[in-house]
């Protein structure tokens, strides 16, 4: 099965090379770096490295970056695409766990830091609160239990990522996980080890975190309305 890693990047010049160096040890995975109109020299660094990169002319945000990668995967006939961050948190050594889940018949495989144990990975109070709220909403509206609903390391089958690639309202975000869960797609988590980001700072400030939680809550309600009468009709 052809596997594509989608690596969205915004100002990751300090960490992207370490990730690309690691990926040299996993030639079974193709990858494409989506440079989301970075203000630093991320694009130049990746190109000098000889890596596959798509430069976006405007900043589309994480969702737009991942959807660009899904369009690339669709046009190049990939079977599985996997979203990983460019900041080094997601370890290439753990990717095979997601691939195995897909091979076992799962439609969407989500990496979790907390499925079996919390381990040593720490979250801020605001992040943890937001994740608990999103977890509650997804469980309430679909019955799906996710221990790490905001995880940015996810694998998608061809049938899923081809839908997401061209649908403006099906973003690689928790509301889309709710959407596919309500339609009867098989979604499962797998325990993985993650690191703290290698360099730079997270875009998720307290204000943005609160906004993110509110936006997802509103979007959840729209998803529920959109899927009324369609539950289980994959």
C-alpha atoms as a PDB file:
ATOM      1  CA  UNK A   1       0.000   0.000   0.000  1.00  0.00           C
ATOM      2  CA  UNK A   2       1.291   3.447  -0.909  1.00  0.00           C
ATOM      3  CA  UNK A   3       1.601   5.655   2.160  1.00  0.00           C
ATOM      4  CA  UNK A   4       1.999   9.434   2.070  1.00  0.00           C
ATOM      5  CA  UNK A   5       2.983  11.513   5.081  1.00  0.00           C
ATOM      6  CA  UNK A   6       1.521  15.021   4.986  1.00  0.00           C
ATOM      7  CA  UNK A   7       3.682  17.468   6.950  1.00  0.00           C
ATOM      8  CA  UNK A   8       2.078  20.917   7.301  1.00  0.00           C
ATOM      9  CA  UNK A   9       4.614  23.546   8.331  1.00  0.00           C
ATOM     10  CA  UNK A  10       4.412  27.150   9.421  1.00  0.00           C
ATOM     11  CA  UNK A  11       7.667  28.724  10.611  1.00  0.00           C
ATOM     12  CA  UNK A  12       9.309  25.388  11.469  1.00  0.00           C
ATOM     13  CA  UNK A  13      12.826  26.237  10.265  1.00  0.00           C
ATOM     14  CA  UNK A  14      14.325  25.208  13.616  1.00  0.00           C
ATOM     15  CA  UNK A  15      12.769  21.740  13.735  1.00  0.00           C
ATOM     16  CA  UNK A  16      11.947  20.475  10.248  1.00  0.00           C
ATOM     17  CA  UNK A  17      15.436  19.206   9.390  1.00  0.00           C
ATOM     18  CA  UNK A  18      15.525  16.954  12.462  1.00  0.00           C
ATOM     19  CA  UNK A  19      12.261  15.388  11.347  1.00  0.00           C
ATOM     20  CA  UNK A  20      13.432  14.925   7.763  1.00  0.00           C
ATOM     21  CA  UNK A  21      16.647  13.336   9.022  1.00  0.00           C
ATOM     22  CA  UNK A  22      14.581  10.821  10.987  1.00  0.00           C
ATOM     23  CA  UNK A  23      12.430  10.046   7.965  1.00  0.00           C
ATOM     24  CA  UNK A  24      15.534   8.902   6.079  1.00  0.00           C
ATOM     25  CA  UNK A  25      15.284   5.753   8.192  1.00  0.00           C
ATOM     26  CA  UNK A  26      11.780   5.026   6.891  1.00  0.00           C
ATOM     27  CA  UNK A  27      12.001   4.893   3.076  1.00  0.00           C
ATOM     28  CA  UNK A  28       8.735   2.949   2.936  1.00  0.00           C
ATOM     29  CA  UNK A  29       6.897   6.250   3.481  1.00  0.00           C
ATOM     30  CA  UNK A  30       6.693   9.025   0.921  1.00  0.00           C
ATOM     31  CA  UNK A  31       6.156  12.505   2.284  1.00  0.00           C
ATOM     32  CA  UNK A  32       5.264  16.004   1.194  1.00  0.00           C
ATOM     33  CA  UNK A  33       5.973  19.150   3.211  1.00  0.00           C
ATOM     34  CA  UNK A  34       3.216  21.751   2.918  1.00  0.00           C
ATOM     35  CA  UNK A  35       4.804  25.144   3.556  1.00  0.00           C
ATOM     36  CA  UNK A  36       1.888  27.271   4.703  1.00  0.00           C
ATOM     37  CA  UNK A  37       3.317  30.617   3.590  1.00  0.00           C
ATOM     38  CA  UNK A  38       5.892  30.639   6.387  1.00  0.00           C
ATOM     39  CA  UNK A  39       7.475  33.943   7.315  1.00  0.00           C
ATOM     40  CA  UNK A  40      10.829  32.300   8.033  1.00  0.00           C
ATOM     41  CA  UNK A  41      13.025  30.257   5.677  1.00  0.00           C
ATOM     42  CA  UNK A  42      11.260  26.917   6.163  1.00  0.00           C
ATOM     43  CA  UNK A  43      10.720  26.512   2.418  1.00  0.00           C
ATOM     44  CA  UNK A  44      14.329  27.267   1.526  1.00  0.00           C
ATOM     45  CA  UNK A  45      15.614  24.830   4.124  1.00  0.00           C
ATOM     46  CA  UNK A  46      13.345  22.026   2.915  1.00  0.00           C
ATOM     47  CA  UNK A  47      14.206  22.629  -0.740  1.00  0.00           C
ATOM     48  CA  UNK A  48      17.942  22.683  -0.012  1.00  0.00           C
ATOM     49  CA  UNK A  49      17.476  19.388   1.786  1.00  0.00           C
ATOM     50  CA  UNK A  50      16.041  17.961  -1.424  1.00  0.00           C
ATOM     51  CA  UNK A  51      12.661  17.181   0.100  1.00  0.00           C
ATOM     52  CA  UNK A  52       9.293  17.260  -1.610  1.00  0.00           C
ATOM     53  CA  UNK A  53       7.594  20.577  -0.781  1.00  0.00           C
ATOM     54  CA  UNK A  54       4.490  22.485  -1.845  1.00  0.00           C
ATOM     55  CA  UNK A  55       4.565  26.238  -1.186  1.00  0.00           C
ATOM     56  CA  UNK A  56       1.180  27.800  -0.513  1.00  0.00           C
ATOM     57  CA  UNK A  57       0.893  31.392  -1.805  1.00  0.00           C
ATOM     58  CA  UNK A  58      -1.245  32.432   1.168  1.00  0.00           C
ATOM     59  CA  UNK A  59      -1.591  31.145   4.700  1.00  0.00           C
ATOM     60  CA  UNK A  60      -4.441  28.609   4.751  1.00  0.00           C
ATOM     61  CA  UNK A  61      -3.977  27.377   8.286  1.00  0.00           C
ATOM     62  CA  UNK A  62      -3.494  23.802   9.434  1.00  0.00           C
ATOM     63  CA  UNK A  63      -6.689  22.493   7.868  1.00  0.00           C
ATOM     64  CA  UNK A  64      -5.961  24.021   4.470  1.00  0.00           C
ATOM     65  CA  UNK A  65      -2.415  22.725   4.556  1.00  0.00           C
ATOM     66  CA  UNK A  66      -3.513  19.171   5.290  1.00  0.00           C
ATOM     67  CA  UNK A  67      -6.233  19.316   2.635  1.00  0.00           C
ATOM     68  CA  UNK A  68      -3.605  20.413   0.121  1.00  0.00           C
ATOM     69  CA  UNK A  69      -1.660  17.282   1.003  1.00  0.00           C
ATOM     70  CA  UNK A  70      -4.812  15.202   0.556  1.00  0.00           C
ATOM     71  CA  UNK A  71      -5.310  16.658  -2.914  1.00  0.00           C
ATOM     72  CA  UNK A  72      -1.735  15.668  -3.701  1.00  0.00           C
ATOM     73  CA  UNK A  73      -2.406  12.149  -2.349  1.00  0.00           C
ATOM     74  CA  UNK A  74      -5.554  11.860  -4.480  1.00  0.00           C
ATOM     75  CA  UNK A  75      -3.828  12.947  -7.684  1.00  0.00           C
ATOM     76  CA  UNK A  76      -0.880  10.615  -7.056  1.00  0.00           C
ATOM     77  CA  UNK A  77      -2.948   7.527  -6.234  1.00  0.00           C
ATOM     78  CA  UNK A  78      -1.958   6.932  -2.602  1.00  0.00           C
ATOM     79  CA  UNK A  79      -3.810   4.380  -0.474  1.00  0.00           C
ATOM     80  CA  UNK A  80      -3.181   5.919   2.945  1.00  0.00           C
ATOM     81  CA  UNK A  81      -2.237   9.404   3.988  1.00  0.00           C
ATOM     82  CA  UNK A  82      -1.028  10.299   7.451  1.00  0.00           C
ATOM     83  CA  UNK A  83      -0.932  13.765   8.947  1.00  0.00           C
ATOM     84  CA  UNK A  84       2.075  14.534  11.161  1.00  0.00           C
ATOM     85  CA  UNK A  85       3.371  17.824  12.525  1.00  0.00           C
ATOM     86  CA  UNK A  86       6.556  19.490  11.356  1.00  0.00           C
ATOM     87  CA  UNK A  87       7.618  20.458  14.875  1.00  0.00           C
ATOM     88  CA  UNK A  88       9.018  17.043  15.786  1.00  0.00           C
ATOM     89  CA  UNK A  89       6.336  15.990  18.282  1.00  0.00           C
ATOM     90  CA  UNK A  90       5.212  13.044  16.159  1.00  0.00           C
ATOM     91  CA  UNK A  91       7.803  10.300  15.973  1.00  0.00           C
ATOM     92  CA  UNK A  92       8.313   8.456  12.664  1.00  0.00           C
ATOM     93  CA  UNK A  93       8.986   5.269  14.636  1.00  0.00           C
ATOM     94  CA  UNK A  94       5.315   5.260  15.706  1.00  0.00           C
ATOM     95  CA  UNK A  95       3.771   5.650  12.240  1.00  0.00           C
ATOM     96  CA  UNK A  96       3.595   1.913  11.580  1.00  0.00           C
ATOM     97  CA  UNK A  97       0.992   1.576  14.347  1.00  0.00           C
ATOM     98  CA  UNK A  98      -1.420   3.775  12.386  1.00  0.00           C
ATOM     99  CA  UNK A  99      -0.697   1.923   9.148  1.00  0.00           C
ATOM    100  CA  UNK A 100      -1.454  -1.412  10.821  1.00  0.00           C
ATOM    101  CA  UNK A 101      -4.781  -0.067  12.086  1.00  0.00           C
ATOM    102  CA  UNK A 102      -5.761   0.954   8.556  1.00  0.00           C
ATOM    103  CA  UNK A 103      -4.720  -2.441   7.196  1.00  0.00           C
ATOM    104  CA  UNK A 104      -6.960  -4.033   9.831  1.00  0.00           C
ATOM    105  CA  UNK A 105      -9.974  -2.267   8.329  1.00  0.00           C
ATOM    106  CA  UNK A 106     -10.125   1.003  10.255  1.00  0.00           C
ATOM    107  CA  UNK A 107     -11.168   4.053   8.193  1.00  0.00           C
ATOM    108  CA  UNK A 108      -9.479   6.658  10.416  1.00  0.00           C
ATOM    109  CA  UNK A 109      -6.704   5.826  12.888  1.00  0.00           C
ATOM    110  CA  UNK A 110      -5.860   8.447  15.506  1.00  0.00           C
ATOM    111  CA  UNK A 111      -2.721   8.440  17.631  1.00  0.00           C
ATOM    112  CA  UNK A 112      -3.324   8.885  21.341  1.00  0.00           C
ATOM    113  CA  UNK A 113      -0.999   9.899  24.126  1.00  0.00           C
ATOM    114  CA  UNK A 114      -3.510   8.791  26.725  1.00  0.00           C
ATOM    115  CA  UNK A 115      -5.191   5.590  25.508  1.00  0.00           C
ATOM    116  CA  UNK A 116      -3.296   3.259  27.824  1.00  0.00           C
ATOM    117  CA  UNK A 117      -1.623   5.714  30.175  1.00  0.00           C
ATOM    118  CA  UNK A 118      -0.873   9.413  30.415  1.00  0.00           C
ATOM    119  CA  UNK A 119       2.838   8.692  30.482  1.00  0.00           C
ATOM    120  CA  UNK A 120       5.121  11.678  30.818  1.00  0.00           C
ATOM    121  CA  UNK A 121       3.410  13.918  28.265  1.00  0.00           C
ATOM    122  CA  UNK A 122       2.132  17.069  29.941  1.00  0.00           C
ATOM    123  CA  UNK A 123      -0.563  19.513  28.846  1.00  0.00           C
ATOM    124  CA  UNK A 124      -1.443  22.970  30.023  1.00  0.00           C
ATOM    125  CA  UNK A 125      -4.662  23.284  31.999  1.00  0.00           C
ATOM    126  CA  UNK A 126      -6.369  25.107  29.135  1.00  0.00           C
ATOM    127  CA  UNK A 127      -5.396  22.464  26.578  1.00  0.00           C
ATOM    128  CA  UNK A 128      -6.560  19.676  28.850  1.00  0.00           C
ATOM    129  CA  UNK A 129      -9.862  21.445  29.538  1.00  0.00           C
ATOM    130  CA  UNK A 130     -10.490  22.025  25.830  1.00  0.00           C
ATOM    131  CA  UNK A 131      -9.691  18.402  25.015  1.00  0.00           C
ATOM    132  CA  UNK A 132     -12.076  17.159  27.714  1.00  0.00           C
ATOM    133  CA  UNK A 133     -14.849  19.370  26.342  1.00  0.00           C
ATOM    134  CA  UNK A 134     -14.309  18.135  22.779  1.00  0.00           C
ATOM    135  CA  UNK A 135     -14.105  14.547  24.034  1.00  0.00           C
ATOM    136  CA  UNK A 136     -17.461  14.978  25.803  1.00  0.00           C
ATOM    137  CA  UNK A 137     -19.163  16.457  22.718  1.00  0.00           C
ATOM    138  CA  UNK A 138     -17.954  13.696  20.392  1.00  0.00           C
ATOM    139  CA  UNK A 139     -19.083  11.030  22.858  1.00  0.00           C
ATOM    140  CA  UNK A 140     -22.459  12.728  23.355  1.00  0.00           C
ATOM    141  CA  UNK A 141     -23.262  13.131  19.669  1.00  0.00           C
ATOM    142  CA  UNK A 142     -21.799   9.913  18.240  1.00  0.00           C
ATOM    143  CA  UNK A 143     -21.009   7.465  21.026  1.00  0.00           C
ATOM    144  CA  UNK A 144     -17.351   7.467  19.976  1.00  0.00           C
ATOM    145  CA  UNK A 145     -14.860   7.683  22.818  1.00  0.00           C
ATOM    146  CA  UNK A 146     -11.598   9.437  21.987  1.00  0.00           C
ATOM    147  CA  UNK A 147      -8.972   9.822  24.683  1.00  0.00           C
ATOM    148  CA  UNK A 148      -6.924  12.275  22.596  1.00  0.00           C
ATOM    149  CA  UNK A 149      -9.452  14.107  20.373  1.00  0.00           C
ATOM    150  CA  UNK A 150      -7.106  16.951  19.403  1.00  0.00           C
ATOM    151  CA  UNK A 151      -4.256  14.688  18.314  1.00  0.00           C
ATOM    152  CA  UNK A 152      -2.674  15.936  15.095  1.00  0.00           C
ATOM    153  CA  UNK A 153      -1.307  12.555  14.042  1.00  0.00           C
ATOM    154  CA  UNK A 154      -4.016  10.761  12.083  1.00  0.00           C
ATOM    155  CA  UNK A 155      -4.198   8.221   9.258  1.00  0.00           C
ATOM    156  CA  UNK A 156      -6.942   8.137   6.622  1.00  0.00           C
ATOM    157  CA  UNK A 157      -7.979   5.589   4.017  1.00  0.00           C
ATOM    158  CA  UNK A 158      -8.341   6.610   0.403  1.00  0.00           C
ATOM    159  CA  UNK A 159     -12.142   6.720   0.627  1.00  0.00           C
ATOM    160  CA  UNK A 160     -11.909   9.184   3.529  1.00  0.00           C
ATOM    161  CA  UNK A 161      -9.120  11.496   2.399  1.00  0.00           C
ATOM    162  CA  UNK A 162     -10.558  11.789  -1.105  1.00  0.00           C
ATOM    163  CA  UNK A 163     -13.763  13.138   0.445  1.00  0.00           C
ATOM    164  CA  UNK A 164     -11.881  15.502   2.732  1.00  0.00           C
ATOM    165  CA  UNK A 165      -9.562  16.803   0.029  1.00  0.00           C
ATOM    166  CA  UNK A 166     -12.220  18.771  -1.812  1.00  0.00           C
ATOM    167  CA  UNK A 167     -14.867  19.399   0.852  1.00  0.00           C
ATOM    168  CA  UNK A 168     -14.482  22.828   2.437  1.00  0.00           C
ATOM    169  CA  UNK A 169     -16.515  21.802   5.483  1.00  0.00           C
ATOM    170  CA  UNK A 170     -14.701  18.511   6.151  1.00  0.00           C
ATOM    171  CA  UNK A 171     -11.500  19.710   7.749  1.00  0.00           C
ATOM    172  CA  UNK A 172      -8.939  17.483   9.486  1.00  0.00           C
ATOM    173  CA  UNK A 173     -10.337  18.605  12.850  1.00  0.00           C
ATOM    174  CA  UNK A 174     -12.428  17.035  15.667  1.00  0.00           C
ATOM    175  CA  UNK A 175     -15.717  18.080  14.057  1.00  0.00           C
ATOM    176  CA  UNK A 176     -14.879  15.973  11.010  1.00  0.00           C
ATOM    177  CA  UNK A 177     -14.113  12.991  13.249  1.00  0.00           C
ATOM    178  CA  UNK A 178     -17.632  13.458  14.637  1.00  0.00           C
ATOM    179  CA  UNK A 179     -19.032  13.663  11.101  1.00  0.00           C
ATOM    180  CA  UNK A 180     -17.483  10.382   9.977  1.00  0.00           C
ATOM    181  CA  UNK A 181     -18.333   8.672  13.269  1.00  0.00           C
ATOM    182  CA  UNK A 182     -22.016   9.572  12.881  1.00  0.00           C
ATOM    183  CA  UNK A 183     -21.992   8.172   9.334  1.00  0.00           C
ATOM    184  CA  UNK A 184     -20.705   4.840  10.607  1.00  0.00           C
ATOM    185  CA  UNK A 185     -17.060   4.976   9.610  1.00  0.00           C
ATOM    186  CA  UNK A 186     -14.748   2.942  11.784  1.00  0.00           C
ATOM    187  CA  UNK A 187     -12.516   5.223  13.858  1.00  0.00           C
ATOM    188  CA  UNK A 188     -10.031   3.879  16.388  1.00  0.00           C
ATOM    189  CA  UNK A 189      -7.153   5.179  18.463  1.00  0.00           C
ATOM    190  CA  UNK A 190      -3.747   3.639  18.978  1.00  0.00           C
ATOM    191  CA  UNK A 191      -1.362   4.375  21.828  1.00  0.00           C
ATOM    192  CA  UNK A 192       1.786   6.217  20.733  1.00  0.00           C
ATOM    193  CA  UNK A 193       4.671   8.029  22.327  1.00  0.00           C
ATOM    194  CA  UNK A 194       5.015  11.710  21.506  1.00  0.00           C
ATOM    195  CA  UNK A 195       7.677  14.284  22.318  1.00  0.00           C
ATOM    196  CA  UNK A 196       7.436  17.922  23.213  1.00  0.00           C
ATOM    197  CA  UNK A 197       8.029  20.133  20.167  1.00  0.00           C
ATOM    198  CA  UNK A 198      11.716  20.311  19.220  1.00  0.00           C
ATOM    199  CA  UNK A 199      11.791  24.103  18.779  1.00  0.00           C
ATOM    200  CA  UNK A 200       9.600  27.169  18.430  1.00  0.00           C
ATOM    201  CA  UNK A 201       6.316  27.882  20.138  1.00  0.00           C
ATOM    202  CA  UNK A 202       2.804  26.534  19.726  1.00  0.00           C
ATOM    203  CA  UNK A 203       0.330  28.720  17.862  1.00  0.00           C
ATOM    204  CA  UNK A 204      -2.315  27.848  20.462  1.00  0.00           C
ATOM    205  CA  UNK A 205      -2.264  30.788  22.863  1.00  0.00           C
ATOM    206  CA  UNK A 206      -4.869  30.895  25.671  1.00  0.00           C
ATOM    207  CA  UNK A 207      -7.073  33.192  23.575  1.00  0.00           C
ATOM    208  CA  UNK A 208      -6.792  30.992  20.495  1.00  0.00           C
ATOM    209  CA  UNK A 209      -7.430  27.889  22.605  1.00  0.00           C
ATOM    210  CA  UNK A 210     -10.696  29.352  23.923  1.00  0.00           C
ATOM    211  CA  UNK A 211     -11.708  30.390  20.408  1.00  0.00           C
ATOM    212  CA  UNK A 212     -10.862  26.929  19.091  1.00  0.00           C
ATOM    213  CA  UNK A 213     -13.097  25.267  21.689  1.00  0.00           C
ATOM    214  CA  UNK A 214     -16.027  27.590  20.936  1.00  0.00           C
ATOM    215  CA  UNK A 215     -15.681  27.152  17.171  1.00  0.00           C
ATOM    216  CA  UNK A 216     -15.600  23.377  17.494  1.00  0.00           C
ATOM    217  CA  UNK A 217     -18.681  23.368  19.706  1.00  0.00           C
ATOM    218  CA  UNK A 218     -20.626  25.375  17.146  1.00  0.00           C
ATOM    219  CA  UNK A 219     -19.333  23.162  14.355  1.00  0.00           C
ATOM    220  CA  UNK A 220     -20.383  20.030  16.259  1.00  0.00           C
ATOM    221  CA  UNK A 221     -23.967  21.304  16.286  1.00  0.00           C
ATOM    222  CA  UNK A 222     -23.860  21.908  12.532  1.00  0.00           C
ATOM    223  CA  UNK A 223     -22.500  18.379  12.006  1.00  0.00           C
ATOM    224  CA  UNK A 224     -25.325  16.904  14.062  1.00  0.00           C
ATOM    225  CA  UNK A 225     -27.888  18.834  11.998  1.00  0.00           C
ATOM    226  CA  UNK A 226     -26.184  17.863   8.722  1.00  0.00           C
ATOM    227  CA  UNK A 227     -26.198  14.158   9.569  1.00  0.00           C
ATOM    228  CA  UNK A 228     -29.751  13.901  10.890  1.00  0.00           C
ATOM    229  CA  UNK A 229     -31.315  10.857   9.247  1.00  0.00           C
ATOM    230  CA  UNK A 230     -27.941   9.715   7.878  1.00  0.00           C
ATOM    231  CA  UNK A 231     -26.463   7.987  10.922  1.00  0.00           C
ATOM    232  CA  UNK A 232     -24.864   4.677  10.071  1.00  0.00           C
ATOM    233  CA  UNK A 233     -25.167   5.274   6.322  1.00  0.00           C
ATOM    234  CA  UNK A 234     -21.516   5.029   5.392  1.00  0.00           C
END
